């Protein structure tokens, strides 16, 4: 089965992380940040109690250190800052993802559409998540993810490329990374370390979207640190998670339930795809996605969707 889900009155923006991340760094430098490029190694305490962050300089490879009143760890899902400083940071379950960045083909190659994101729910491509083709203008991301250890992610991507006619496209680079499945229960150490982004687990379940939530969480982390430094009260660091979950926790909860239920087998995923034909499902999905909040203004639509779900699962309606 395949279902088109056109977006009415909006769009889904795709971000090219290479130039985007550098743009963020440059903007921070213009705002007064001092850039130091290197690899984090460890955090120690000085005699005055302040953190001493040790890292290895990227260009020279020489060990360096910097003192800080507060450290924000935004170093990805397998956060070394979190593992060293925040209890429970190493306990979050993850989906393992792999994608290949290719040069976007000319129009007319297979079913490729440079203005459309394709999501595939097929066992050979992913037994418990999804595979994707996401155009980014001159480049395209082709990837997949799975919680199943040992699943051949690279072969699944190769299979998807062959099936869609994108195997002839030039491969520019390939990347693999874990995706956290839900936010950490704790983002700070109660003293002077706070996590943000993937390190805090703020990736939306079911969709794997992380950029919007990383940016939102980063701003909340900055505000919490600012408040902690201004008041001298380290408890303010916990406000980052509290405020994030107040704004997005319900969406994450619903998406997590959806992933656990609908992604558990090909049978349920096929029925999930069939449900996506429903205009009510499409309208509420896109409104929630673009506004980052659940839509409460259409109670009748929610009731219709509920009974359609029940009918589909009971075999009373065709998915």
C-alpha atoms as a PDB file:
ATOM      1  CA  UNK A   1       0.000   0.000   0.000  1.00  0.00           C
ATOM      2  CA  UNK A   2       0.996   3.573  -0.489  1.00  0.00           C
ATOM      3  CA  UNK A   3      -0.691   6.758   0.657  1.00  0.00           C
ATOM      4  CA  UNK A   4      -0.085  10.364  -0.326  1.00  0.00           C
ATOM      5  CA  UNK A   5      -0.428  12.878   2.510  1.00  0.00           C
ATOM      6  CA  UNK A   6      -0.475  16.366   0.982  1.00  0.00           C
ATOM      7  CA  UNK A   7       0.076  19.296   3.345  1.00  0.00           C
ATOM      8  CA  UNK A   8      -2.597  21.976   3.274  1.00  0.00           C
ATOM      9  CA  UNK A   9      -1.405  25.455   4.180  1.00  0.00           C
ATOM     10  CA  UNK A  10       2.150  24.646   5.220  1.00  0.00           C
ATOM     11  CA  UNK A  11       5.279  22.649   4.530  1.00  0.00           C
ATOM     12  CA  UNK A  12       7.850  20.405   6.184  1.00  0.00           C
ATOM     13  CA  UNK A  13      11.283  22.011   6.027  1.00  0.00           C
ATOM     14  CA  UNK A  14      14.319  19.774   5.542  1.00  0.00           C
ATOM     15  CA  UNK A  15      17.591  20.949   7.082  1.00  0.00           C
ATOM     16  CA  UNK A  16      21.042  20.378   5.598  1.00  0.00           C
ATOM     17  CA  UNK A  17      22.997  19.940   8.826  1.00  0.00           C
ATOM     18  CA  UNK A  18      26.405  20.772   7.350  1.00  0.00           C
ATOM     19  CA  UNK A  19      25.863  24.466   6.571  1.00  0.00           C
ATOM     20  CA  UNK A  20      23.134  24.849   9.199  1.00  0.00           C
ATOM     21  CA  UNK A  21      25.285  23.740  12.129  1.00  0.00           C
ATOM     22  CA  UNK A  22      28.150  25.973  11.033  1.00  0.00           C
ATOM     23  CA  UNK A  23      25.739  28.893  10.674  1.00  0.00           C
ATOM     24  CA  UNK A  24      24.656  28.346  14.282  1.00  0.00           C
ATOM     25  CA  UNK A  25      28.287  28.343  15.450  1.00  0.00           C
ATOM     26  CA  UNK A  26      29.041  31.527  13.539  1.00  0.00           C
ATOM     27  CA  UNK A  27      25.947  33.213  14.956  1.00  0.00           C
ATOM     28  CA  UNK A  28      27.019  32.256  18.474  1.00  0.00           C
ATOM     29  CA  UNK A  29      30.492  33.694  17.849  1.00  0.00           C
ATOM     30  CA  UNK A  30      29.009  36.957  16.592  1.00  0.00           C
ATOM     31  CA  UNK A  31      26.950  37.116  19.784  1.00  0.00           C
ATOM     32  CA  UNK A  32      30.118  36.884  21.884  1.00  0.00           C
ATOM     33  CA  UNK A  33      30.861  33.160  22.251  1.00  0.00           C
ATOM     34  CA  UNK A  34      34.507  32.068  22.045  1.00  0.00           C
ATOM     35  CA  UNK A  35      34.802  29.079  19.709  1.00  0.00           C
ATOM     36  CA  UNK A  36      37.092  26.225  20.678  1.00  0.00           C
ATOM     37  CA  UNK A  37      37.017  23.176  18.421  1.00  0.00           C
ATOM     38  CA  UNK A  38      38.026  19.844  19.898  1.00  0.00           C
ATOM     39  CA  UNK A  39      36.947  16.528  21.400  1.00  0.00           C
ATOM     40  CA  UNK A  40      35.575  16.392  24.928  1.00  0.00           C
ATOM     41  CA  UNK A  41      37.430  14.053  27.283  1.00  0.00           C
ATOM     42  CA  UNK A  42      36.389  14.603  30.903  1.00  0.00           C
ATOM     43  CA  UNK A  43      35.162  16.965  33.603  1.00  0.00           C
ATOM     44  CA  UNK A  44      37.105  17.513  36.813  1.00  0.00           C
ATOM     45  CA  UNK A  45      36.659  19.799  39.840  1.00  0.00           C
ATOM     46  CA  UNK A  46      39.056  22.570  40.737  1.00  0.00           C
ATOM     47  CA  UNK A  47      40.003  23.361  44.314  1.00  0.00           C
ATOM     48  CA  UNK A  48      37.392  26.126  44.245  1.00  0.00           C
ATOM     49  CA  UNK A  49      34.692  23.674  43.158  1.00  0.00           C
ATOM     50  CA  UNK A  50      34.362  24.985  39.594  1.00  0.00           C
ATOM     51  CA  UNK A  51      34.259  22.543  36.687  1.00  0.00           C
ATOM     52  CA  UNK A  52      37.386  22.069  34.601  1.00  0.00           C
ATOM     53  CA  UNK A  53      36.467  20.748  31.174  1.00  0.00           C
ATOM     54  CA  UNK A  54      39.279  18.848  29.446  1.00  0.00           C
ATOM     55  CA  UNK A  55      39.283  18.439  25.682  1.00  0.00           C
ATOM     56  CA  UNK A  56      41.701  17.691  22.852  1.00  0.00           C
ATOM     57  CA  UNK A  57      42.257  20.437  20.301  1.00  0.00           C
ATOM     58  CA  UNK A  58      41.112  19.429  16.810  1.00  0.00           C
ATOM     59  CA  UNK A  59      44.017  20.952  14.871  1.00  0.00           C
ATOM     60  CA  UNK A  60      47.009  20.306  17.123  1.00  0.00           C
ATOM     61  CA  UNK A  61      45.716  17.303  19.040  1.00  0.00           C
ATOM     62  CA  UNK A  62      47.102  18.904  22.178  1.00  0.00           C
ATOM     63  CA  UNK A  63      45.214  18.543  25.476  1.00  0.00           C
ATOM     64  CA  UNK A  64      43.418  21.725  26.519  1.00  0.00           C
ATOM     65  CA  UNK A  65      41.175  22.727  29.398  1.00  0.00           C
ATOM     66  CA  UNK A  66      38.720  25.473  30.263  1.00  0.00           C
ATOM     67  CA  UNK A  67      37.075  26.430  33.552  1.00  0.00           C
ATOM     68  CA  UNK A  68      33.316  26.917  33.643  1.00  0.00           C
ATOM     69  CA  UNK A  69      30.675  27.799  36.195  1.00  0.00           C
ATOM     70  CA  UNK A  70      28.171  25.740  34.181  1.00  0.00           C
ATOM     71  CA  UNK A  71      28.527  23.139  31.416  1.00  0.00           C
ATOM     72  CA  UNK A  72      25.817  22.453  28.818  1.00  0.00           C
ATOM     73  CA  UNK A  73      26.291  19.031  27.243  1.00  0.00           C
ATOM     74  CA  UNK A  74      24.871  19.004  23.712  1.00  0.00           C
ATOM     75  CA  UNK A  75      27.103  16.196  22.478  1.00  0.00           C
ATOM     76  CA  UNK A  76      24.594  13.771  20.990  1.00  0.00           C
ATOM     77  CA  UNK A  77      22.623  10.718  22.042  1.00  0.00           C
ATOM     78  CA  UNK A  78      25.641   8.897  23.495  1.00  0.00           C
ATOM     79  CA  UNK A  79      26.619  11.955  25.508  1.00  0.00           C
ATOM     80  CA  UNK A  80      29.958  11.624  27.252  1.00  0.00           C
ATOM     81  CA  UNK A  81      29.155  14.718  29.290  1.00  0.00           C
ATOM     82  CA  UNK A  82      25.925  13.085  30.430  1.00  0.00           C
ATOM     83  CA  UNK A  83      27.511   9.718  31.163  1.00  0.00           C
ATOM     84  CA  UNK A  84      30.144  11.350  33.337  1.00  0.00           C
ATOM     85  CA  UNK A  85      27.990  13.869  35.154  1.00  0.00           C
ATOM     86  CA  UNK A  86      24.234  13.137  35.007  1.00  0.00           C
ATOM     87  CA  UNK A  87      22.779  10.027  36.697  1.00  0.00           C
ATOM     88  CA  UNK A  88      20.771   7.821  34.314  1.00  0.00           C
ATOM     89  CA  UNK A  89      22.097   9.421  31.137  1.00  0.00           C
ATOM     90  CA  UNK A  90      23.332   6.031  29.923  1.00  0.00           C
ATOM     91  CA  UNK A  91      20.014   4.244  30.448  1.00  0.00           C
ATOM     92  CA  UNK A  92      17.823   5.600  27.625  1.00  0.00           C
ATOM     93  CA  UNK A  93      16.813   3.066  24.893  1.00  0.00           C
ATOM     94  CA  UNK A  94      17.710   3.968  21.323  1.00  0.00           C
ATOM     95  CA  UNK A  95      16.969   3.327  17.675  1.00  0.00           C
ATOM     96  CA  UNK A  96      20.095   2.840  15.603  1.00  0.00           C
ATOM     97  CA  UNK A  97      19.929   4.816  12.361  1.00  0.00           C
ATOM     98  CA  UNK A  98      22.053   4.860   9.217  1.00  0.00           C
ATOM     99  CA  UNK A  99      21.716   7.043   6.142  1.00  0.00           C
ATOM    100  CA  UNK A 100      23.550   7.871   2.954  1.00  0.00           C
ATOM    101  CA  UNK A 101      23.690  11.388   1.540  1.00  0.00           C
ATOM    102  CA  UNK A 102      23.552  11.239  -2.253  1.00  0.00           C
ATOM    103  CA  UNK A 103      23.529  13.820  -4.976  1.00  0.00           C
ATOM    104  CA  UNK A 104      19.882  14.384  -5.852  1.00  0.00           C
ATOM    105  CA  UNK A 105      18.979  12.887  -9.229  1.00  0.00           C
ATOM    106  CA  UNK A 106      17.469  14.695 -12.144  1.00  0.00           C
ATOM    107  CA  UNK A 107      13.689  14.549 -12.313  1.00  0.00           C
ATOM    108  CA  UNK A 108      12.324  11.447 -13.963  1.00  0.00           C
ATOM    109  CA  UNK A 109      14.424   8.924 -12.019  1.00  0.00           C
ATOM    110  CA  UNK A 110      12.023   6.285 -10.766  1.00  0.00           C
ATOM    111  CA  UNK A 111       9.326   7.727  -8.517  1.00  0.00           C
ATOM    112  CA  UNK A 112      11.641  10.331  -6.987  1.00  0.00           C
ATOM    113  CA  UNK A 113      10.027  13.690  -6.240  1.00  0.00           C
ATOM    114  CA  UNK A 114      12.329  16.476  -4.966  1.00  0.00           C
ATOM    115  CA  UNK A 115       9.367  18.112  -3.197  1.00  0.00           C
ATOM    116  CA  UNK A 116       8.170  14.997  -1.349  1.00  0.00           C
ATOM    117  CA  UNK A 117       9.403  13.004   1.653  1.00  0.00           C
ATOM    118  CA  UNK A 118       8.955   9.241   1.308  1.00  0.00           C
ATOM    119  CA  UNK A 119       8.540   6.994   4.360  1.00  0.00           C
ATOM    120  CA  UNK A 120       8.607   3.184   4.025  1.00  0.00           C
ATOM    121  CA  UNK A 121       7.095   0.760   6.539  1.00  0.00           C
ATOM    122  CA  UNK A 122       8.419  -2.570   5.270  1.00  0.00           C
ATOM    123  CA  UNK A 123       9.991  -5.401   7.243  1.00  0.00           C
ATOM    124  CA  UNK A 124      13.004  -5.907   4.935  1.00  0.00           C
ATOM    125  CA  UNK A 125      13.822  -2.180   5.203  1.00  0.00           C
ATOM    126  CA  UNK A 126      13.150  -1.894   8.952  1.00  0.00           C
ATOM    127  CA  UNK A 127      11.484  -4.449  11.219  1.00  0.00           C
ATOM    128  CA  UNK A 128      10.354  -1.934  13.843  1.00  0.00           C
ATOM    129  CA  UNK A 129      10.866   1.647  12.622  1.00  0.00           C
ATOM    130  CA  UNK A 130      10.852   3.038   9.079  1.00  0.00           C
ATOM    131  CA  UNK A 131      13.081   3.756   6.101  1.00  0.00           C
ATOM    132  CA  UNK A 132      13.103   7.103   4.327  1.00  0.00           C
ATOM    133  CA  UNK A 133      14.003   9.212   1.329  1.00  0.00           C
ATOM    134  CA  UNK A 134      14.259  12.872   2.334  1.00  0.00           C
ATOM    135  CA  UNK A 135      15.265  15.383  -0.385  1.00  0.00           C
ATOM    136  CA  UNK A 136      17.414  18.337   0.727  1.00  0.00           C
ATOM    137  CA  UNK A 137      17.646  20.276  -2.516  1.00  0.00           C
ATOM    138  CA  UNK A 138      20.892  19.310  -4.248  1.00  0.00           C
ATOM    139  CA  UNK A 139      21.338  16.333  -1.907  1.00  0.00           C
ATOM    140  CA  UNK A 140      19.038  13.589  -0.618  1.00  0.00           C
ATOM    141  CA  UNK A 141      19.130  11.500   2.560  1.00  0.00           C
ATOM    142  CA  UNK A 142      18.316   7.800   2.138  1.00  0.00           C
ATOM    143  CA  UNK A 143      18.245   5.872   5.391  1.00  0.00           C
ATOM    144  CA  UNK A 144      16.641   3.531   7.874  1.00  0.00           C
ATOM    145  CA  UNK A 145      16.550   2.775  11.582  1.00  0.00           C
ATOM    146  CA  UNK A 146      15.856  -0.125  13.918  1.00  0.00           C
ATOM    147  CA  UNK A 147      16.050  -1.108  17.578  1.00  0.00           C
ATOM    148  CA  UNK A 148      16.869  -4.675  16.550  1.00  0.00           C
ATOM    149  CA  UNK A 149      20.520  -5.423  17.194  1.00  0.00           C
ATOM    150  CA  UNK A 150      22.199  -7.056  14.237  1.00  0.00           C
ATOM    151  CA  UNK A 151      19.747  -5.736  11.658  1.00  0.00           C
ATOM    152  CA  UNK A 152      21.701  -4.954   8.477  1.00  0.00           C
ATOM    153  CA  UNK A 153      21.070  -1.224   8.136  1.00  0.00           C
ATOM    154  CA  UNK A 154      23.506  -0.726   5.244  1.00  0.00           C
ATOM    155  CA  UNK A 155      22.015  -3.568   3.232  1.00  0.00           C
ATOM    156  CA  UNK A 156      18.500  -2.239   3.856  1.00  0.00           C
ATOM    157  CA  UNK A 157      19.523   1.169   2.495  1.00  0.00           C
ATOM    158  CA  UNK A 158      21.188  -0.476  -0.501  1.00  0.00           C
ATOM    159  CA  UNK A 159      17.976  -2.430  -1.130  1.00  0.00           C
ATOM    160  CA  UNK A 160      15.899   0.749  -0.936  1.00  0.00           C
ATOM    161  CA  UNK A 161      18.200   2.536  -3.368  1.00  0.00           C
ATOM    162  CA  UNK A 162      17.980  -0.333  -5.855  1.00  0.00           C
ATOM    163  CA  UNK A 163      14.192  -0.496  -5.569  1.00  0.00           C
ATOM    164  CA  UNK A 164      13.780   3.236  -6.204  1.00  0.00           C
ATOM    165  CA  UNK A 165      16.396   3.641  -8.926  1.00  0.00           C
ATOM    166  CA  UNK A 166      18.618   5.773  -6.701  1.00  0.00           C
ATOM    167  CA  UNK A 167      21.490   3.285  -6.605  1.00  0.00           C
ATOM    168  CA  UNK A 168      23.152   5.107  -9.507  1.00  0.00           C
ATOM    169  CA  UNK A 169      23.259   8.419  -7.620  1.00  0.00           C
ATOM    170  CA  UNK A 170      26.652   9.581  -6.396  1.00  0.00           C
ATOM    171  CA  UNK A 171      27.131   8.857  -2.691  1.00  0.00           C
ATOM    172  CA  UNK A 172      28.633  11.912  -1.002  1.00  0.00           C
ATOM    173  CA  UNK A 173      28.899  10.536   2.527  1.00  0.00           C
ATOM    174  CA  UNK A 174      27.330   8.043   4.905  1.00  0.00           C
ATOM    175  CA  UNK A 175      26.601   8.353   8.609  1.00  0.00           C
ATOM    176  CA  UNK A 176      25.305   6.247  11.453  1.00  0.00           C
ATOM    177  CA  UNK A 177      24.001   7.451  14.785  1.00  0.00           C
ATOM    178  CA  UNK A 178      21.731   6.349  17.641  1.00  0.00           C
ATOM    179  CA  UNK A 179      18.388   8.097  18.131  1.00  0.00           C
ATOM    180  CA  UNK A 180      17.028   8.272  21.708  1.00  0.00           C
ATOM    181  CA  UNK A 181      13.469   7.022  22.131  1.00  0.00           C
ATOM    182  CA  UNK A 182      12.303   9.351  24.895  1.00  0.00           C
ATOM    183  CA  UNK A 183      13.549  12.254  27.031  1.00  0.00           C
ATOM    184  CA  UNK A 184      15.797  11.472  29.981  1.00  0.00           C
ATOM    185  CA  UNK A 185      14.142  11.575  33.386  1.00  0.00           C
ATOM    186  CA  UNK A 186      16.815  13.997  34.501  1.00  0.00           C
ATOM    187  CA  UNK A 187      18.777  16.550  32.471  1.00  0.00           C
ATOM    188  CA  UNK A 188      21.032  18.079  35.127  1.00  0.00           C
ATOM    189  CA  UNK A 189      23.315  16.996  37.958  1.00  0.00           C
ATOM    190  CA  UNK A 190      21.807  19.416  40.453  1.00  0.00           C
ATOM    191  CA  UNK A 191      24.970  21.472  40.492  1.00  0.00           C
ATOM    192  CA  UNK A 192      26.514  22.750  37.271  1.00  0.00           C
ATOM    193  CA  UNK A 193      25.897  20.400  34.323  1.00  0.00           C
ATOM    194  CA  UNK A 194      22.823  20.472  32.065  1.00  0.00           C
ATOM    195  CA  UNK A 195      22.069  18.402  28.949  1.00  0.00           C
ATOM    196  CA  UNK A 196      20.335  19.572  25.764  1.00  0.00           C
ATOM    197  CA  UNK A 197      19.270  18.165  22.401  1.00  0.00           C
ATOM    198  CA  UNK A 198      19.850  14.467  21.684  1.00  0.00           C
ATOM    199  CA  UNK A 199      21.929  14.293  24.863  1.00  0.00           C
ATOM    200  CA  UNK A 200      18.717  15.026  26.793  1.00  0.00           C
ATOM    201  CA  UNK A 201      16.737  12.571  24.645  1.00  0.00           C
ATOM    202  CA  UNK A 202      14.502  15.179  23.012  1.00  0.00           C
ATOM    203  CA  UNK A 203      13.786  13.319  19.781  1.00  0.00           C
ATOM    204  CA  UNK A 204      10.134  12.783  18.907  1.00  0.00           C
ATOM    205  CA  UNK A 205       9.061   9.117  19.069  1.00  0.00           C
ATOM    206  CA  UNK A 206       7.574   7.562  15.915  1.00  0.00           C
ATOM    207  CA  UNK A 207       8.937  10.287  13.614  1.00  0.00           C
ATOM    208  CA  UNK A 208      12.507  10.651  14.880  1.00  0.00           C
ATOM    209  CA  UNK A 209      12.325  14.423  14.450  1.00  0.00           C
ATOM    210  CA  UNK A 210      15.004  16.090  16.523  1.00  0.00           C
ATOM    211  CA  UNK A 211      16.088  19.446  15.099  1.00  0.00           C
ATOM    212  CA  UNK A 212      13.100  21.511  16.194  1.00  0.00           C
ATOM    213  CA  UNK A 213      13.120  19.986  19.661  1.00  0.00           C
ATOM    214  CA  UNK A 214      16.897  20.349  19.983  1.00  0.00           C
ATOM    215  CA  UNK A 215      16.621  24.053  19.199  1.00  0.00           C
ATOM    216  CA  UNK A 216      13.703  24.509  21.594  1.00  0.00           C
ATOM    217  CA  UNK A 217      15.510  22.542  24.300  1.00  0.00           C
ATOM    218  CA  UNK A 218      18.719  24.487  23.709  1.00  0.00           C
ATOM    219  CA  UNK A 219      16.948  27.782  24.262  1.00  0.00           C
ATOM    220  CA  UNK A 220      15.333  26.461  27.447  1.00  0.00           C
ATOM    221  CA  UNK A 221      18.724  25.199  28.638  1.00  0.00           C
ATOM    222  CA  UNK A 222      20.258  28.640  28.062  1.00  0.00           C
ATOM    223  CA  UNK A 223      17.432  30.310  29.975  1.00  0.00           C
ATOM    224  CA  UNK A 224      17.780  27.862  32.873  1.00  0.00           C
ATOM    225  CA  UNK A 225      21.555  28.383  33.063  1.00  0.00           C
ATOM    226  CA  UNK A 226      21.092  32.146  32.939  1.00  0.00           C
ATOM    227  CA  UNK A 227      18.637  31.952  35.819  1.00  0.00           C
ATOM    228  CA  UNK A 228      20.908  29.638  37.830  1.00  0.00           C
ATOM    229  CA  UNK A 229      23.894  31.954  37.399  1.00  0.00           C
ATOM    230  CA  UNK A 230      21.877  35.062  38.195  1.00  0.00           C
ATOM    231  CA  UNK A 231      20.359  33.642  41.388  1.00  0.00           C
ATOM    232  CA  UNK A 232      23.121  31.281  42.483  1.00  0.00           C
ATOM    233  CA  UNK A 233      20.478  28.559  42.835  1.00  0.00           C
ATOM    234  CA  UNK A 234      21.464  25.379  40.952  1.00  0.00           C
ATOM    235  CA  UNK A 235      17.885  24.101  41.226  1.00  0.00           C
ATOM    236  CA  UNK A 236      17.038  26.448  38.356  1.00  0.00           C
ATOM    237  CA  UNK A 237      18.798  24.023  35.990  1.00  0.00           C
ATOM    238  CA  UNK A 238      15.882  21.608  36.394  1.00  0.00           C
ATOM    239  CA  UNK A 239      13.567  24.219  34.884  1.00  0.00           C
ATOM    240  CA  UNK A 240      14.824  23.345  31.393  1.00  0.00           C
ATOM    241  CA  UNK A 241      13.264  19.885  31.507  1.00  0.00           C
ATOM    242  CA  UNK A 242      10.189  21.041  33.423  1.00  0.00           C
ATOM    243  CA  UNK A 243       9.376  23.722  30.867  1.00  0.00           C
ATOM    244  CA  UNK A 244      10.116  21.461  27.905  1.00  0.00           C
ATOM    245  CA  UNK A 245       7.864  18.674  29.142  1.00  0.00           C
ATOM    246  CA  UNK A 246       5.095  21.150  29.919  1.00  0.00           C
ATOM    247  CA  UNK A 247       5.210  22.350  26.309  1.00  0.00           C
ATOM    248  CA  UNK A 248       5.865  19.037  24.521  1.00  0.00           C
ATOM    249  CA  UNK A 249       5.479  16.169  26.984  1.00  0.00           C
ATOM    250  CA  UNK A 250       1.951  15.249  25.935  1.00  0.00           C
ATOM    251  CA  UNK A 251       2.922  15.097  22.257  1.00  0.00           C
ATOM    252  CA  UNK A 252       5.905  12.875  23.126  1.00  0.00           C
ATOM    253  CA  UNK A 253       3.664  10.606  25.217  1.00  0.00           C
ATOM    254  CA  UNK A 254       1.124  10.140  22.415  1.00  0.00           C
ATOM    255  CA  UNK A 255       3.831   9.565  19.790  1.00  0.00           C
ATOM    256  CA  UNK A 256       5.532   7.054  22.073  1.00  0.00           C
ATOM    257  CA  UNK A 257       2.296   5.110  22.499  1.00  0.00           C
ATOM    258  CA  UNK A 258       1.771   5.203  18.752  1.00  0.00           C
ATOM    259  CA  UNK A 259       5.251   3.836  18.063  1.00  0.00           C
ATOM    260  CA  UNK A 260       4.944   1.041  20.618  1.00  0.00           C
ATOM    261  CA  UNK A 261       1.574  -0.026  19.241  1.00  0.00           C
ATOM    262  CA  UNK A 262       1.643   0.574  15.483  1.00  0.00           C
ATOM    263  CA  UNK A 263       5.320  -0.187  14.796  1.00  0.00           C
ATOM    264  CA  UNK A 264       5.405  -3.584  16.470  1.00  0.00           C
ATOM    265  CA  UNK A 265       4.803  -5.679  13.306  1.00  0.00           C
ATOM    266  CA  UNK A 266       4.263  -5.400   9.567  1.00  0.00           C
ATOM    267  CA  UNK A 267       0.588  -6.257  10.131  1.00  0.00           C
ATOM    268  CA  UNK A 268      -0.003  -3.276  12.417  1.00  0.00           C
ATOM    269  CA  UNK A 269       2.154  -0.977  10.300  1.00  0.00           C
ATOM    270  CA  UNK A 270       0.130  -1.841   7.194  1.00  0.00           C
ATOM    271  CA  UNK A 271      -3.010  -0.877   9.044  1.00  0.00           C
ATOM    272  CA  UNK A 272      -1.373   2.312  10.219  1.00  0.00           C
ATOM    273  CA  UNK A 273      -0.568   3.204   6.600  1.00  0.00           C
ATOM    274  CA  UNK A 274      -4.165   2.453   5.640  1.00  0.00           C
ATOM    275  CA  UNK A 275      -5.446   4.770   8.361  1.00  0.00           C
ATOM    276  CA  UNK A 276      -3.360   7.576   6.910  1.00  0.00           C
ATOM    277  CA  UNK A 277      -5.728   7.685   3.916  1.00  0.00           C
ATOM    278  CA  UNK A 278      -8.354   9.177   6.198  1.00  0.00           C
ATOM    279  CA  UNK A 279      -8.751  12.960   5.688  1.00  0.00           C
ATOM    280  CA  UNK A 280      -9.299  13.475   9.431  1.00  0.00           C
ATOM    281  CA  UNK A 281      -6.048  11.671  10.236  1.00  0.00           C
ATOM    282  CA  UNK A 282      -4.137  13.671   7.640  1.00  0.00           C
ATOM    283  CA  UNK A 283      -5.532  17.018   8.748  1.00  0.00           C
ATOM    284  CA  UNK A 284      -4.947  16.441  12.472  1.00  0.00           C
ATOM    285  CA  UNK A 285      -1.505  14.923  11.848  1.00  0.00           C
ATOM    286  CA  UNK A 286      -0.225  17.898   9.887  1.00  0.00           C
ATOM    287  CA  UNK A 287      -1.792  20.449  12.224  1.00  0.00           C
ATOM    288  CA  UNK A 288      -0.118  18.763  15.192  1.00  0.00           C
ATOM    289  CA  UNK A 289       3.195  18.383  13.349  1.00  0.00           C
ATOM    290  CA  UNK A 290       3.454  21.964  12.148  1.00  0.00           C
ATOM    291  CA  UNK A 291       2.159  23.559  15.364  1.00  0.00           C
ATOM    292  CA  UNK A 292       3.978  21.115  17.687  1.00  0.00           C
ATOM    293  CA  UNK A 293       0.890  20.603  19.815  1.00  0.00           C
ATOM    294  CA  UNK A 294      -2.130  18.324  19.909  1.00  0.00           C
ATOM    295  CA  UNK A 295      -5.227  19.607  18.144  1.00  0.00           C
ATOM    296  CA  UNK A 296      -8.184  19.874  20.505  1.00  0.00           C
ATOM    297  CA  UNK A 297     -10.567  21.930  18.398  1.00  0.00           C
ATOM    298  CA  UNK A 298     -12.006  18.979  16.440  1.00  0.00           C
ATOM    299  CA  UNK A 299     -13.626  16.599  18.971  1.00  0.00           C
ATOM    300  CA  UNK A 300     -15.861  15.018  16.334  1.00  0.00           C
ATOM    301  CA  UNK A 301     -12.829  14.179  14.197  1.00  0.00           C
ATOM    302  CA  UNK A 302     -11.122  12.532  17.184  1.00  0.00           C
ATOM    303  CA  UNK A 303     -14.217  10.404  17.819  1.00  0.00           C
ATOM    304  CA  UNK A 304     -14.397   9.334  14.151  1.00  0.00           C
ATOM    305  CA  UNK A 305     -10.715   8.395  14.166  1.00  0.00           C
ATOM    306  CA  UNK A 306     -11.122   6.372  17.368  1.00  0.00           C
ATOM    307  CA  UNK A 307     -13.940   4.243  15.958  1.00  0.00           C
ATOM    308  CA  UNK A 308     -12.118   3.820  12.648  1.00  0.00           C
ATOM    309  CA  UNK A 309      -9.065   2.592  14.585  1.00  0.00           C
ATOM    310  CA  UNK A 310     -11.160   0.054  16.464  1.00  0.00           C
ATOM    311  CA  UNK A 311     -12.891  -1.120  13.285  1.00  0.00           C
ATOM    312  CA  UNK A 312      -9.578  -1.500  11.474  1.00  0.00           C
ATOM    313  CA  UNK A 313      -7.965  -3.510  14.277  1.00  0.00           C
ATOM    314  CA  UNK A 314     -11.027  -5.753  14.632  1.00  0.00           C
ATOM    315  CA  UNK A 315     -11.108  -6.454  10.920  1.00  0.00           C
ATOM    316  CA  UNK A 316     -14.443  -4.697  10.470  1.00  0.00           C
ATOM    317  CA  UNK A 317     -12.989  -2.166   8.055  1.00  0.00           C
ATOM    318  CA  UNK A 318     -10.348  -2.420   5.364  1.00  0.00           C
ATOM    319  CA  UNK A 319      -7.117  -0.617   6.270  1.00  0.00           C
END
